[in-house]
């Protein structure tokens, strides 16, 4: 039976539990020096506790393992040294898993020193640039970089090579209810659908529209139009401050209309403030009215 996927919540802690570690960033001597690319025993490398990906496609890892068995590892993984002949993965989780599956004993690795914050940042940035991430994984990675690496959205956009608006749109997904986040993650709706749902302020209405999207297979454009109509209906109508004109103003309006032979509009609010609008149909008509006013 397939394991049930864990629901995504609003807070990062409800989505990805950050590991508690006390790992040294110091370079501890071993067989290989920091900065080298070397063949490292797979058994001496532990997984990255900061790995932002929550799911891996088993089929794609099996395919990668087959390729590795035939051609070997083309791109080294990145690791950091923890102690004497002890390492931790920074980037390359899929290659690491596939190499084990292919039966390799060693894997080419680029060795470097990194503290926990740098580990998280490198793992997240490397992860973000993968093409098969879903929108929620990207959103979570962005938010973790902002919160845990103390980056502004502007700095983050520079690091990941995306404009600030794109970063902001992804981060906003985390404000959606868990049910909608799960629908995005599972591919039931697209990020375009989600961005339309963000414009609905009521959570119950958001979930009702989500059900409609899935049931009726609505396109993004259909959802945008639906939400636009919905928000227009639910928005309170602006109260007008214009009041009915007293009889003396109506009489003056008629008098002005007869004098200038054109349409006259008089608006007045309940405080007595207002304006008079004299209409004209052409430049010649405008000049005629000006001549009458100057008399």
C-alpha atoms as a PDB file:
ATOM      1  CA  UNK A   1       0.000   0.000   0.000  1.00  0.00           C
ATOM      2  CA  UNK A   2       1.331   3.384  -0.976  1.00  0.00           C
ATOM      3  CA  UNK A   3       2.317   5.564   1.953  1.00  0.00           C
ATOM      4  CA  UNK A   4       0.174   8.627   2.437  1.00  0.00           C
ATOM      5  CA  UNK A   5       1.955  11.871   1.659  1.00  0.00           C
ATOM      6  CA  UNK A   6       2.492  14.263   4.489  1.00  0.00           C
ATOM      7  CA  UNK A   7       0.336  17.381   4.311  1.00  0.00           C
ATOM      8  CA  UNK A   8       1.951  20.737   3.784  1.00  0.00           C
ATOM      9  CA  UNK A   9       1.125  23.450   6.261  1.00  0.00           C
ATOM     10  CA  UNK A  10       1.652  27.172   6.330  1.00  0.00           C
ATOM     11  CA  UNK A  11       4.751  27.120   8.506  1.00  0.00           C
ATOM     12  CA  UNK A  12       8.039  25.731   7.326  1.00  0.00           C
ATOM     13  CA  UNK A  13       8.203  23.490  10.390  1.00  0.00           C
ATOM     14  CA  UNK A  14       4.986  21.826   9.252  1.00  0.00           C
ATOM     15  CA  UNK A  15       6.451  21.243   5.803  1.00  0.00           C
ATOM     16  CA  UNK A  16      10.104  20.423   6.347  1.00  0.00           C
ATOM     17  CA  UNK A  17      11.561  19.645   9.726  1.00  0.00           C
ATOM     18  CA  UNK A  18      15.002  21.234   9.923  1.00  0.00           C
ATOM     19  CA  UNK A  19      17.539  18.778  11.342  1.00  0.00           C
ATOM     20  CA  UNK A  20      19.203  19.571  14.626  1.00  0.00           C
ATOM     21  CA  UNK A  21      22.940  19.257  14.135  1.00  0.00           C
ATOM     22  CA  UNK A  22      26.138  20.368  15.768  1.00  0.00           C
ATOM     23  CA  UNK A  23      28.526  19.744  12.909  1.00  0.00           C
ATOM     24  CA  UNK A  24      31.950  21.344  12.876  1.00  0.00           C
ATOM     25  CA  UNK A  25      32.950  23.447   9.900  1.00  0.00           C
ATOM     26  CA  UNK A  26      36.633  22.987  10.631  1.00  0.00           C
ATOM     27  CA  UNK A  27      38.911  21.141   8.239  1.00  0.00           C
ATOM     28  CA  UNK A  28      39.904  17.931  10.017  1.00  0.00           C
ATOM     29  CA  UNK A  29      42.789  16.077   8.353  1.00  0.00           C
ATOM     30  CA  UNK A  30      42.116  12.797   6.607  1.00  0.00           C
ATOM     31  CA  UNK A  31      43.303  11.014   3.509  1.00  0.00           C
ATOM     32  CA  UNK A  32      42.158  13.855   1.240  1.00  0.00           C
ATOM     33  CA  UNK A  33      42.521  17.604   1.546  1.00  0.00           C
ATOM     34  CA  UNK A  34      39.751  20.139   1.209  1.00  0.00           C
ATOM     35  CA  UNK A  35      39.485  21.493  -2.332  1.00  0.00           C
ATOM     36  CA  UNK A  36      40.422  18.181  -3.946  1.00  0.00           C
ATOM     37  CA  UNK A  37      38.332  16.034  -6.250  1.00  0.00           C
ATOM     38  CA  UNK A  38      38.822  12.457  -5.159  1.00  0.00           C
ATOM     39  CA  UNK A  39      37.229   9.021  -5.258  1.00  0.00           C
ATOM     40  CA  UNK A  40      35.536   8.684  -1.870  1.00  0.00           C
ATOM     41  CA  UNK A  41      34.161   5.492  -0.346  1.00  0.00           C
ATOM     42  CA  UNK A  42      30.359   5.727  -0.468  1.00  0.00           C
ATOM     43  CA  UNK A  43      30.146   4.218   3.005  1.00  0.00           C
ATOM     44  CA  UNK A  44      32.113   7.165   4.406  1.00  0.00           C
ATOM     45  CA  UNK A  45      29.568   9.708   3.107  1.00  0.00           C
ATOM     46  CA  UNK A  46      26.396  10.434   5.002  1.00  0.00           C
ATOM     47  CA  UNK A  47      23.300  12.034   3.502  1.00  0.00           C
ATOM     48  CA  UNK A  48      22.684  15.743   3.713  1.00  0.00           C
ATOM     49  CA  UNK A  49      20.439  16.532   6.727  1.00  0.00           C
ATOM     50  CA  UNK A  50      19.560  19.803   5.008  1.00  0.00           C
ATOM     51  CA  UNK A  51      18.310  18.112   1.825  1.00  0.00           C
ATOM     52  CA  UNK A  52      15.311  20.231   0.776  1.00  0.00           C
ATOM     53  CA  UNK A  53      13.738  17.606  -1.465  1.00  0.00           C
ATOM     54  CA  UNK A  54      11.088  15.552   0.271  1.00  0.00           C
ATOM     55  CA  UNK A  55      10.498  13.047  -2.545  1.00  0.00           C
ATOM     56  CA  UNK A  56      12.647  11.372  -5.166  1.00  0.00           C
ATOM     57  CA  UNK A  57      11.441   9.644  -8.314  1.00  0.00           C
ATOM     58  CA  UNK A  58      12.531   6.038  -7.853  1.00  0.00           C
ATOM     59  CA  UNK A  59      12.184   5.301 -11.569  1.00  0.00           C
ATOM     60  CA  UNK A  60      14.494   8.166 -12.571  1.00  0.00           C
ATOM     61  CA  UNK A  61      17.086   7.033  -9.991  1.00  0.00           C
ATOM     62  CA  UNK A  62      16.952   3.495 -11.398  1.00  0.00           C
ATOM     63  CA  UNK A  63      17.509   4.912 -14.903  1.00  0.00           C
ATOM     64  CA  UNK A  64      20.397   7.019 -13.630  1.00  0.00           C
ATOM     65  CA  UNK A  65      21.881   3.969 -11.902  1.00  0.00           C
ATOM     66  CA  UNK A  66      21.828   2.115 -15.237  1.00  0.00           C
ATOM     67  CA  UNK A  67      23.605   4.997 -16.933  1.00  0.00           C
ATOM     68  CA  UNK A  68      26.201   5.148 -14.141  1.00  0.00           C
ATOM     69  CA  UNK A  69      26.822   1.410 -14.382  1.00  0.00           C
ATOM     70  CA  UNK A  70      27.700   1.853 -18.072  1.00  0.00           C
ATOM     71  CA  UNK A  71      29.420   5.254 -18.152  1.00  0.00           C
ATOM     72  CA  UNK A  72      30.337   5.998 -14.548  1.00  0.00           C
ATOM     73  CA  UNK A  73      29.787   9.313 -12.736  1.00  0.00           C
ATOM     74  CA  UNK A  74      30.319  12.226 -15.108  1.00  0.00           C
ATOM     75  CA  UNK A  75      29.726  15.077 -12.642  1.00  0.00           C
ATOM     76  CA  UNK A  76      31.268  14.745  -9.139  1.00  0.00           C
ATOM     77  CA  UNK A  77      29.070  15.179  -6.099  1.00  0.00           C
ATOM     78  CA  UNK A  78      29.956  17.871  -3.551  1.00  0.00           C
ATOM     79  CA  UNK A  79      30.750  16.900   0.030  1.00  0.00           C
ATOM     80  CA  UNK A  80      32.181  18.456   3.164  1.00  0.00           C
ATOM     81  CA  UNK A  81      34.647  16.900   5.579  1.00  0.00           C
ATOM     82  CA  UNK A  82      33.307  16.088   9.042  1.00  0.00           C
ATOM     83  CA  UNK A  83      36.262  14.268  10.511  1.00  0.00           C
ATOM     84  CA  UNK A  84      38.937  11.718   9.692  1.00  0.00           C
ATOM     85  CA  UNK A  85      37.655   9.936   6.547  1.00  0.00           C
ATOM     86  CA  UNK A  86      34.139  11.055   7.360  1.00  0.00           C
ATOM     87  CA  UNK A  87      32.133  13.192   4.938  1.00  0.00           C
ATOM     88  CA  UNK A  88      28.678  14.651   4.440  1.00  0.00           C
ATOM     89  CA  UNK A  89      26.842  15.233   1.192  1.00  0.00           C
ATOM     90  CA  UNK A  90      26.234  18.834   0.150  1.00  0.00           C
ATOM     91  CA  UNK A  91      24.892  18.416  -3.393  1.00  0.00           C
ATOM     92  CA  UNK A  92      24.220  15.448  -5.656  1.00  0.00           C
ATOM     93  CA  UNK A  93      21.707  13.339  -3.713  1.00  0.00           C
ATOM     94  CA  UNK A  94      20.342  11.628  -6.842  1.00  0.00           C
ATOM     95  CA  UNK A  95      23.836  10.722  -8.067  1.00  0.00           C
ATOM     96  CA  UNK A  96      24.728   9.505  -4.574  1.00  0.00           C
ATOM     97  CA  UNK A  97      21.672   7.227  -4.392  1.00  0.00           C
ATOM     98  CA  UNK A  98      22.061   6.010  -7.965  1.00  0.00           C
ATOM     99  CA  UNK A  99      25.752   5.199  -7.421  1.00  0.00           C
ATOM    100  CA  UNK A 100      24.832   3.002  -4.450  1.00  0.00           C
ATOM    101  CA  UNK A 101      22.131   1.320  -6.500  1.00  0.00           C
ATOM    102  CA  UNK A 102      24.590   0.720  -9.346  1.00  0.00           C
ATOM    103  CA  UNK A 103      26.873  -1.083  -6.901  1.00  0.00           C
ATOM    104  CA  UNK A 104      29.722   1.439  -6.941  1.00  0.00           C
ATOM    105  CA  UNK A 105      32.042   1.436  -3.953  1.00  0.00           C
ATOM    106  CA  UNK A 106      33.576   4.883  -4.592  1.00  0.00           C
ATOM    107  CA  UNK A 107      32.242   8.104  -6.088  1.00  0.00           C
ATOM    108  CA  UNK A 108      34.122  11.148  -7.455  1.00  0.00           C
ATOM    109  CA  UNK A 109      33.620  13.984  -5.005  1.00  0.00           C
ATOM    110  CA  UNK A 110      34.557  17.624  -4.710  1.00  0.00           C
ATOM    111  CA  UNK A 111      35.581  18.208  -1.093  1.00  0.00           C
ATOM    112  CA  UNK A 112      35.016  21.542   0.582  1.00  0.00           C
ATOM    113  CA  UNK A 113      34.533  23.144   3.985  1.00  0.00           C
ATOM    114  CA  UNK A 114      31.117  24.551   4.845  1.00  0.00           C
ATOM    115  CA  UNK A 115      29.273  25.419   8.015  1.00  0.00           C
ATOM    116  CA  UNK A 116      25.649  24.473   8.521  1.00  0.00           C
ATOM    117  CA  UNK A 117      24.272  27.697   7.060  1.00  0.00           C
ATOM    118  CA  UNK A 118      26.460  27.394   3.972  1.00  0.00           C
ATOM    119  CA  UNK A 119      25.460  23.731   3.669  1.00  0.00           C
ATOM    120  CA  UNK A 120      21.801  24.663   3.672  1.00  0.00           C
ATOM    121  CA  UNK A 121      22.301  27.511   1.208  1.00  0.00           C
ATOM    122  CA  UNK A 122      24.325  25.417  -1.246  1.00  0.00           C
ATOM    123  CA  UNK A 123      21.901  22.500  -1.057  1.00  0.00           C
ATOM    124  CA  UNK A 124      18.884  24.752  -1.561  1.00  0.00           C
ATOM    125  CA  UNK A 125      20.358  26.758  -4.430  1.00  0.00           C
ATOM    126  CA  UNK A 126      21.545  23.597  -6.183  1.00  0.00           C
ATOM    127  CA  UNK A 127      18.138  22.042  -5.636  1.00  0.00           C
ATOM    128  CA  UNK A 128      16.225  25.048  -6.981  1.00  0.00           C
ATOM    129  CA  UNK A 129      17.987  24.792 -10.341  1.00  0.00           C
ATOM    130  CA  UNK A 130      16.715  21.263 -10.948  1.00  0.00           C
ATOM    131  CA  UNK A 131      14.094  21.157 -13.708  1.00  0.00           C
ATOM    132  CA  UNK A 132      11.749  18.592 -12.148  1.00  0.00           C
ATOM    133  CA  UNK A 133      10.921  20.387  -8.901  1.00  0.00           C
ATOM    134  CA  UNK A 134       7.282  21.119  -8.190  1.00  0.00           C
ATOM    135  CA  UNK A 135       6.244  24.661  -7.296  1.00  0.00           C
ATOM    136  CA  UNK A 136       5.872  23.875  -3.580  1.00  0.00           C
ATOM    137  CA  UNK A 137       9.414  22.497  -3.335  1.00  0.00           C
ATOM    138  CA  UNK A 138      10.705  25.700  -4.932  1.00  0.00           C
ATOM    139  CA  UNK A 139       8.553  27.860  -2.651  1.00  0.00           C
ATOM    140  CA  UNK A 140       9.791  26.034   0.447  1.00  0.00           C
ATOM    141  CA  UNK A 141      13.398  26.304  -0.692  1.00  0.00           C
ATOM    142  CA  UNK A 142      13.034  30.041  -1.289  1.00  0.00           C
ATOM    143  CA  UNK A 143      11.446  30.575   2.122  1.00  0.00           C
ATOM    144  CA  UNK A 144      14.136  28.547   3.883  1.00  0.00           C
ATOM    145  CA  UNK A 145      16.841  30.626   2.205  1.00  0.00           C
ATOM    146  CA  UNK A 146      15.062  33.812   3.306  1.00  0.00           C
ATOM    147  CA  UNK A 147      14.497  32.718   6.900  1.00  0.00           C
ATOM    148  CA  UNK A 148      17.422  30.448   7.705  1.00  0.00           C
ATOM    149  CA  UNK A 149      20.114  32.172   5.644  1.00  0.00           C
ATOM    150  CA  UNK A 150      18.729  35.634   6.439  1.00  0.00           C
ATOM    151  CA  UNK A 151      18.355  36.743   2.836  1.00  0.00           C
ATOM    152  CA  UNK A 152      16.040  39.415   1.510  1.00  0.00           C
ATOM    153  CA  UNK A 153      13.917  38.568  -1.530  1.00  0.00           C
ATOM    154  CA  UNK A 154      16.139  40.885  -3.542  1.00  0.00           C
ATOM    155  CA  UNK A 155      19.342  39.095  -2.455  1.00  0.00           C
ATOM    156  CA  UNK A 156      17.690  35.737  -3.007  1.00  0.00           C
ATOM    157  CA  UNK A 157      16.657  36.682  -6.539  1.00  0.00           C
ATOM    158  CA  UNK A 158      20.306  37.493  -7.297  1.00  0.00           C
ATOM    159  CA  UNK A 159      21.525  34.164  -5.889  1.00  0.00           C
ATOM    160  CA  UNK A 160      19.068  32.008  -7.843  1.00  0.00           C
ATOM    161  CA  UNK A 161      19.078  34.124 -11.013  1.00  0.00           C
ATOM    162  CA  UNK A 162      15.360  34.904 -10.927  1.00  0.00           C
ATOM    163  CA  UNK A 163      13.622  38.265 -10.840  1.00  0.00           C
ATOM    164  CA  UNK A 164      12.154  39.394  -7.533  1.00  0.00           C
ATOM    165  CA  UNK A 165       8.550  39.077  -8.739  1.00  0.00           C
ATOM    166  CA  UNK A 166       9.083  35.386  -9.525  1.00  0.00           C
ATOM    167  CA  UNK A 167      10.558  34.779  -6.067  1.00  0.00           C
ATOM    168  CA  UNK A 168       7.666  36.663  -4.436  1.00  0.00           C
ATOM    169  CA  UNK A 169       5.052  34.678  -6.388  1.00  0.00           C
ATOM    170  CA  UNK A 170       6.537  31.379  -5.212  1.00  0.00           C
ATOM    171  CA  UNK A 171       6.799  32.474  -1.566  1.00  0.00           C
ATOM    172  CA  UNK A 172       3.154  33.600  -1.602  1.00  0.00           C
ATOM    173  CA  UNK A 173       2.106  30.003  -2.281  1.00  0.00           C
ATOM    174  CA  UNK A 174       2.992  29.201   1.337  1.00  0.00           C
ATOM    175  CA  UNK A 175       0.100  31.419   2.477  1.00  0.00           C
ATOM    176  CA  UNK A 176      -2.411  29.098   0.824  1.00  0.00           C
ATOM    177  CA  UNK A 177      -4.307  26.453   2.855  1.00  0.00           C
ATOM    178  CA  UNK A 178      -2.597  23.027   3.169  1.00  0.00           C
ATOM    179  CA  UNK A 179      -5.143  21.400   0.839  1.00  0.00           C
ATOM    180  CA  UNK A 180      -4.204  23.762  -1.986  1.00  0.00           C
ATOM    181  CA  UNK A 181      -0.479  23.331  -1.332  1.00  0.00           C
ATOM    182  CA  UNK A 182      -0.932  19.560  -1.603  1.00  0.00           C
ATOM    183  CA  UNK A 183      -2.891  19.981  -4.861  1.00  0.00           C
ATOM    184  CA  UNK A 184       0.007  22.017  -6.288  1.00  0.00           C
ATOM    185  CA  UNK A 185       2.569  19.482  -5.092  1.00  0.00           C
ATOM    186  CA  UNK A 186       0.616  16.556  -6.534  1.00  0.00           C
ATOM    187  CA  UNK A 187       0.084  18.266  -9.894  1.00  0.00           C
ATOM    188  CA  UNK A 188      -3.699  18.595  -9.556  1.00  0.00           C
ATOM    189  CA  UNK A 189      -3.458  22.319 -10.200  1.00  0.00           C
ATOM    190  CA  UNK A 190      -0.738  24.536 -11.652  1.00  0.00           C
ATOM    191  CA  UNK A 191       0.987  27.549 -10.158  1.00  0.00           C
ATOM    192  CA  UNK A 192      -1.203  29.707 -12.420  1.00  0.00           C
ATOM    193  CA  UNK A 193      -4.316  28.276 -10.777  1.00  0.00           C
ATOM    194  CA  UNK A 194      -2.779  28.862  -7.350  1.00  0.00           C
ATOM    195  CA  UNK A 195      -1.926  32.490  -8.108  1.00  0.00           C
ATOM    196  CA  UNK A 196      -5.583  33.101  -8.979  1.00  0.00           C
ATOM    197  CA  UNK A 197      -6.709  31.435  -5.733  1.00  0.00           C
ATOM    198  CA  UNK A 198      -4.420  33.720  -3.695  1.00  0.00           C
ATOM    199  CA  UNK A 199      -6.675  36.648  -4.691  1.00  0.00           C
ATOM    200  CA  UNK A 200      -9.569  35.083  -2.755  1.00  0.00           C
ATOM    201  CA  UNK A 201      -9.431  36.215   0.868  1.00  0.00           C
ATOM    202  CA  UNK A 202     -11.828  33.650   2.330  1.00  0.00           C
ATOM    203  CA  UNK A 203     -10.276  30.201   2.908  1.00  0.00           C
ATOM    204  CA  UNK A 204     -13.567  28.308   2.562  1.00  0.00           C
ATOM    205  CA  UNK A 205     -14.189  29.942  -0.800  1.00  0.00           C
ATOM    206  CA  UNK A 206     -10.626  29.103  -1.874  1.00  0.00           C
ATOM    207  CA  UNK A 207     -11.239  25.420  -1.141  1.00  0.00           C
ATOM    208  CA  UNK A 208     -14.602  25.457  -2.935  1.00  0.00           C
ATOM    209  CA  UNK A 209     -12.951  26.948  -6.033  1.00  0.00           C
ATOM    210  CA  UNK A 210     -10.159  24.349  -5.748  1.00  0.00           C
ATOM    211  CA  UNK A 211     -12.740  21.545  -5.900  1.00  0.00           C
ATOM    212  CA  UNK A 212     -14.360  23.196  -8.924  1.00  0.00           C
ATOM    213  CA  UNK A 213     -10.984  23.471 -10.714  1.00  0.00           C
ATOM    214  CA  UNK A 214     -10.280  19.767 -10.208  1.00  0.00           C
ATOM    215  CA  UNK A 215     -13.836  18.532 -10.885  1.00  0.00           C
ATOM    216  CA  UNK A 216     -14.435  20.665 -13.991  1.00  0.00           C
ATOM    217  CA  UNK A 217     -10.807  20.660 -15.248  1.00  0.00           C
ATOM    218  CA  UNK A 218     -10.838  24.464 -15.438  1.00  0.00           C
ATOM    219  CA  UNK A 219      -8.034  26.255 -17.275  1.00  0.00           C
ATOM    220  CA  UNK A 220      -6.048  29.030 -15.626  1.00  0.00           C
ATOM    221  CA  UNK A 221      -7.870  31.644 -17.716  1.00  0.00           C
ATOM    222  CA  UNK A 222     -11.262  30.248 -16.675  1.00  0.00           C
ATOM    223  CA  UNK A 223     -10.248  30.362 -13.012  1.00  0.00           C
ATOM    224  CA  UNK A 224      -8.952  33.931 -13.319  1.00  0.00           C
ATOM    225  CA  UNK A 225     -12.265  35.045 -14.860  1.00  0.00           C
ATOM    226  CA  UNK A 226     -14.254  33.114 -12.261  1.00  0.00           C
ATOM    227  CA  UNK A 227     -12.283  34.637  -9.376  1.00  0.00           C
ATOM    228  CA  UNK A 228     -12.595  38.105 -10.905  1.00  0.00           C
ATOM    229  CA  UNK A 229     -16.393  37.778 -11.010  1.00  0.00           C
ATOM    230  CA  UNK A 230     -16.431  36.287  -7.531  1.00  0.00           C
ATOM    231  CA  UNK A 231     -14.404  39.073  -5.938  1.00  0.00           C
ATOM    232  CA  UNK A 232     -16.470  41.714  -7.743  1.00  0.00           C
ATOM    233  CA  UNK A 233     -19.686  40.265  -6.326  1.00  0.00           C
ATOM    234  CA  UNK A 234     -18.289  39.927  -2.803  1.00  0.00           C
ATOM    235  CA  UNK A 235     -16.701  43.403  -2.735  1.00  0.00           C
ATOM    236  CA  UNK A 236     -18.873  45.957  -0.921  1.00  0.00           C
ATOM    237  CA  UNK A 237     -20.254  48.563  -3.267  1.00  0.00           C
ATOM    238  CA  UNK A 238     -18.754  52.019  -2.828  1.00  0.00           C
ATOM    239  CA  UNK A 239     -21.198  54.329  -1.195  1.00  0.00           C
ATOM    240  CA  UNK A 240     -21.840  57.448  -3.204  1.00  0.00           C
ATOM    241  CA  UNK A 241     -21.635  60.793  -1.487  1.00  0.00           C
ATOM    242  CA  UNK A 242     -23.611  62.531  -4.223  1.00  0.00           C
ATOM    243  CA  UNK A 243     -27.013  63.733  -3.054  1.00  0.00           C
ATOM    244  CA  UNK A 244     -30.179  64.527  -4.971  1.00  0.00           C
ATOM    245  CA  UNK A 245     -30.055  68.162  -6.111  1.00  0.00           C
ATOM    246  CA  UNK A 246     -32.343  70.573  -4.269  1.00  0.00           C
ATOM    247  CA  UNK A 247     -35.035  72.176  -6.427  1.00  0.00           C
ATOM    248  CA  UNK A 248     -33.170  75.507  -6.718  1.00  0.00           C
ATOM    249  CA  UNK A 249     -30.141  73.695  -8.208  1.00  0.00           C
ATOM    250  CA  UNK A 250     -32.330  71.863 -10.705  1.00  0.00           C
ATOM    251  CA  UNK A 251     -33.852  75.208 -11.728  1.00  0.00           C
ATOM    252  CA  UNK A 252     -30.352  76.742 -12.142  1.00  0.00           C
ATOM    253  CA  UNK A 253     -29.252  73.715 -14.182  1.00  0.00           C
ATOM    254  CA  UNK A 254     -32.135  74.203 -16.597  1.00  0.00           C
ATOM    255  CA  UNK A 255     -31.369  77.937 -16.819  1.00  0.00           C
ATOM    256  CA  UNK A 256     -27.685  77.316 -17.672  1.00  0.00           C
ATOM    257  CA  UNK A 257     -28.673  74.730 -20.260  1.00  0.00           C
ATOM    258  CA  UNK A 258     -30.878  77.267 -22.014  1.00  0.00           C
ATOM    259  CA  UNK A 259     -28.222  80.017 -21.850  1.00  0.00           C
ATOM    260  CA  UNK A 260     -25.361  77.923 -23.289  1.00  0.00           C
ATOM    261  CA  UNK A 261     -27.462  75.575 -25.412  1.00  0.00           C
ATOM    262  CA  UNK A 262     -25.578  72.478 -24.198  1.00  0.00           C
ATOM    263  CA  UNK A 263     -25.742  69.734 -21.562  1.00  0.00           C
ATOM    264  CA  UNK A 264     -25.048  70.861 -17.999  1.00  0.00           C
ATOM    265  CA  UNK A 265     -24.205  68.574 -15.072  1.00  0.00           C
ATOM    266  CA  UNK A 266     -24.278  69.727 -11.467  1.00  0.00           C
ATOM    267  CA  UNK A 267     -22.993  67.446  -8.701  1.00  0.00           C
ATOM    268  CA  UNK A 268     -23.248  68.231  -5.007  1.00  0.00           C
ATOM    269  CA  UNK A 269     -22.420  66.156  -1.917  1.00  0.00           C
ATOM    270  CA  UNK A 270     -24.076  66.266   1.496  1.00  0.00           C
ATOM    271  CA  UNK A 271     -21.525  68.862   2.687  1.00  0.00           C
ATOM    272  CA  UNK A 272     -22.453  71.295  -0.071  1.00  0.00           C
ATOM    273  CA  UNK A 273     -19.312  70.637  -2.124  1.00  0.00           C
ATOM    274  CA  UNK A 274     -19.798  70.073  -5.849  1.00  0.00           C
ATOM    275  CA  UNK A 275     -19.011  71.049  -9.405  1.00  0.00           C
ATOM    276  CA  UNK A 276     -20.609  72.201 -12.632  1.00  0.00           C
ATOM    277  CA  UNK A 277     -19.741  70.412 -15.874  1.00  0.00           C
ATOM    278  CA  UNK A 278     -20.454  72.177 -19.174  1.00  0.00           C
ATOM    279  CA  UNK A 279     -20.302  69.873 -22.194  1.00  0.00           C
ATOM    280  CA  UNK A 280     -19.117  70.866 -25.678  1.00  0.00           C
ATOM    281  CA  UNK A 281     -19.179  68.911 -28.955  1.00  0.00           C
ATOM    282  CA  UNK A 282     -16.296  70.440 -30.892  1.00  0.00           C
ATOM    283  CA  UNK A 283     -13.617  73.127 -30.826  1.00  0.00           C
ATOM    284  CA  UNK A 284     -16.049  75.547 -32.413  1.00  0.00           C
ATOM    285  CA  UNK A 285     -18.678  74.726 -29.812  1.00  0.00           C
ATOM    286  CA  UNK A 286     -16.058  75.226 -27.071  1.00  0.00           C
ATOM    287  CA  UNK A 287     -15.164  78.685 -28.462  1.00  0.00           C
ATOM    288  CA  UNK A 288     -18.866  79.593 -28.646  1.00  0.00           C
ATOM    289  CA  UNK A 289     -19.388  78.711 -24.981  1.00  0.00           C
ATOM    290  CA  UNK A 290     -16.248  80.618 -23.915  1.00  0.00           C
ATOM    291  CA  UNK A 291     -17.534  83.704 -25.782  1.00  0.00           C
ATOM    292  CA  UNK A 292     -20.842  83.485 -23.867  1.00  0.00           C
ATOM    293  CA  UNK A 293     -18.993  83.131 -20.559  1.00  0.00           C
ATOM    294  CA  UNK A 294     -16.895  86.209 -21.258  1.00  0.00           C
ATOM    295  CA  UNK A 295     -19.890  88.421 -21.900  1.00  0.00           C
END
